[in-house]
């Protein structure tokens, strides 16, 4: 895959051949959507923004400037065109379900343990807080 000019959080796992675009065909500046507002980045090359603990399935394609929230699971091998994918989203462009908090933390524990790390109680509180504060976005 190709993740040019992308910003990836901690514990992100990209499925094989995950790719993002980092240049629009019209060569104009890239806008990103933050809290429902489009913001001009002032740059012609920006990939995607992927939050901590998010995962992509094999062959995931991500449009220019897409922002994927915290602890998402994006799959299906389709093009992600939504400007913003809310935190704790599970699915693809056909529809996103809510990634249950207990399941998200279970996966975080498993992925971290593979590297000899633990999901601490402070991290669990962070998961809970982010889940709570982003409920309206889902």
Protein backbone atom coordinates (compact mmCIF):
# COMPACT_ATOMS: atom_id res chain seq x y z
CA UNK A 1 0.00 0.00 0.00
CA UNK A 2 0.84 3.67 0.07
CA UNK A 3 0.24 6.01 3.00
CA UNK A 4 1.94 9.16 1.71
CA UNK A 5 1.65 12.30 3.82
CA UNK A 6 -0.59 10.44 6.29
CA UNK A 7 -0.72 10.88 10.04
CA UNK A 8 -1.19 7.66 11.99
CA UNK A 9 -1.85 7.37 15.71
CA UNK A 10 -0.45 4.76 18.09
CA UNK A 11 -1.50 1.14 17.78
CA UNK A 12 -2.90 1.60 14.27
CA UNK A 13 -2.93 -1.57 12.19
CA UNK A 14 -3.18 -1.28 8.41
CA UNK A 15 -4.37 -4.28 6.44
CA UNK A 16 -2.22 -5.29 3.47
CA UNK A 17 -2.55 -2.93 0.51
CA UNK A 18 -4.20 -0.16 2.52
CA UNK A 19 -3.67 2.97 0.46
CA UNK A 20 -4.50 6.65 0.74
CA UNK A 21 -4.52 9.38 -1.85
CA UNK A 22 -2.44 12.43 -0.99
CA UNK A 23 -3.01 14.65 -4.03
CA UNK A 24 -6.22 15.86 -5.65
CA UNK A 25 -6.50 15.53 -9.43
CA UNK A 26 -7.09 19.29 -9.73
CA UNK A 27 -3.93 20.05 -7.70
CA UNK A 28 -5.86 22.34 -5.32
CA UNK A 29 -5.28 22.59 -1.59
CA UNK A 30 -6.78 19.80 0.46
CA UNK A 31 -9.50 20.52 2.99
CA UNK A 32 -10.09 18.34 6.01
CA UNK A 33 -13.30 18.13 8.00
CA UNK A 34 -12.98 18.69 11.72
CA UNK A 35 -16.10 18.65 13.87
CA UNK A 36 -18.25 19.09 10.78
CA UNK A 37 -16.30 22.08 9.43
CA UNK A 38 -14.14 22.01 6.31
CA UNK A 39 -10.71 23.51 6.98
CA UNK A 40 -8.32 24.44 4.15
CA UNK A 41 -4.95 22.92 5.06
CA UNK A 42 -3.03 25.26 2.77
CA UNK A 43 -1.27 22.19 1.36
CA UNK A 44 -1.56 20.35 -1.92
CA UNK A 45 -0.37 17.05 -0.43
CA UNK A 46 -2.14 15.58 2.59
CA UNK A 47 -2.94 11.92 3.06
CA UNK A 48 -5.28 10.71 5.78
CA UNK A 49 -5.50 11.06 9.55
CA UNK A 50 -6.05 7.83 11.47
CA UNK A 51 -6.68 7.84 15.22
CA UNK A 52 -5.10 5.62 17.85
CA UNK A 53 -6.16 1.97 17.92
CA UNK A 54 -7.89 2.12 14.52
CA UNK A 55 -7.59 -0.71 12.03
CA UNK A 56 -8.14 -1.15 8.30
CA UNK A 57 -8.92 -4.35 6.46
CA UNK A 58 -7.06 -5.68 3.47
CA UNK A 59 -7.25 -3.49 0.38
CA UNK A 60 -8.79 -0.46 2.10
CA UNK A 61 -8.60 2.69 -0.04
CA UNK A 62 -8.79 6.09 1.66
CA UNK A 63 -9.62 9.32 -0.13
CA UNK A 64 -7.49 12.46 0.21
CA UNK A 65 -7.73 14.20 3.60
CA UNK A 66 -10.06 11.68 5.26
CA UNK A 67 -10.07 11.74 9.05
CA UNK A 68 -10.69 8.39 10.77
CA UNK A 69 -11.35 8.64 14.51
CA UNK A 70 -10.15 6.73 17.54
CA UNK A 71 -10.63 2.94 17.67
CA UNK A 72 -12.32 2.40 14.31
CA UNK A 73 -12.42 -0.81 12.29
CA UNK A 74 -12.70 -0.02 8.58
CA UNK A 75 -12.94 -2.90 6.14
CA UNK A 76 -14.54 -4.06 2.92
CA UNK A 77 -11.92 -3.16 0.32
CA UNK A 78 -13.92 -0.12 -0.81
CA UNK A 79 -12.99 3.54 -1.12
CA UNK A 80 -13.49 5.52 2.09
CA UNK A 81 -14.93 8.81 0.84
CA UNK A 82 -16.53 10.12 4.04
CA UNK A 83 -14.55 13.19 5.09
CA UNK A 84 -14.86 12.15 8.73
CA UNK A 85 -15.34 8.66 10.15
CA UNK A 86 -16.40 9.05 13.78
CA UNK A 87 -14.49 7.39 16.59
CA UNK A 88 -15.65 3.85 17.45
CA UNK A 89 -17.03 3.21 13.95
CA UNK A 90 -17.14 -0.33 12.53
CA UNK A 91 -17.83 -1.04 8.87
CA UNK A 92 -17.39 0.49 5.44
CA UNK A 93 -18.88 3.17 3.20
CA UNK A 94 -22.09 1.15 2.90
CA UNK A 95 -22.67 1.89 6.57
CA UNK A 96 -20.90 2.21 9.87
CA UNK A 97 -22.10 0.57 13.06
CA UNK A 98 -20.97 1.50 16.55
CA UNK A 99 -17.85 -0.36 17.62
CA UNK A 100 -18.86 -1.44 21.11
CA UNK A 101 -16.60 -0.10 23.84
CA UNK A 102 -16.07 -3.50 25.47
CA UNK A 103 -15.10 -5.08 22.13
CA UNK A 104 -12.79 -2.18 21.23
CA UNK A 105 -10.94 -2.51 24.54
CA UNK A 106 -10.75 -6.30 24.13
CA UNK A 107 -9.02 -5.85 20.76
CA UNK A 108 -6.72 -3.16 22.19
CA UNK A 109 -5.69 -5.55 24.98
CA UNK A 110 -4.96 -8.30 22.45
CA UNK A 111 -2.99 -6.09 20.08
CA UNK A 112 -0.96 -4.52 22.87
CA UNK A 113 -0.20 -7.87 24.52
CA UNK A 114 1.35 -9.05 21.24
CA UNK A 115 4.01 -6.39 21.90
CA UNK A 116 4.37 -7.07 25.61
CA UNK A 117 2.27 -4.04 26.60
CA UNK A 118 -0.82 -3.77 28.83
CA UNK A 119 -3.95 -1.69 28.54
CA UNK A 120 -3.76 0.14 31.86
CA UNK A 121 -6.74 1.36 33.86
CA UNK A 122 -5.81 4.94 32.82
CA UNK A 123 -5.99 3.86 29.17
CA UNK A 124 -9.35 2.18 29.81
CA UNK A 125 -10.62 5.45 31.27
CA UNK A 126 -9.35 7.23 28.16
CA UNK A 127 -11.28 4.78 25.93
CA UNK A 128 -14.40 5.36 28.03
CA UNK A 129 -14.00 9.13 27.94
CA UNK A 130 -13.48 9.27 24.17
CA UNK A 131 -16.42 6.93 23.62
CA UNK A 132 -18.63 9.14 25.79
CA UNK A 133 -17.48 12.43 24.25
CA UNK A 134 -17.95 11.23 20.65
CA UNK A 135 -21.37 9.59 21.08
CA UNK A 136 -23.18 12.42 19.25
CA UNK A 137 -20.92 11.97 16.19
CA UNK A 138 -21.99 8.35 15.66
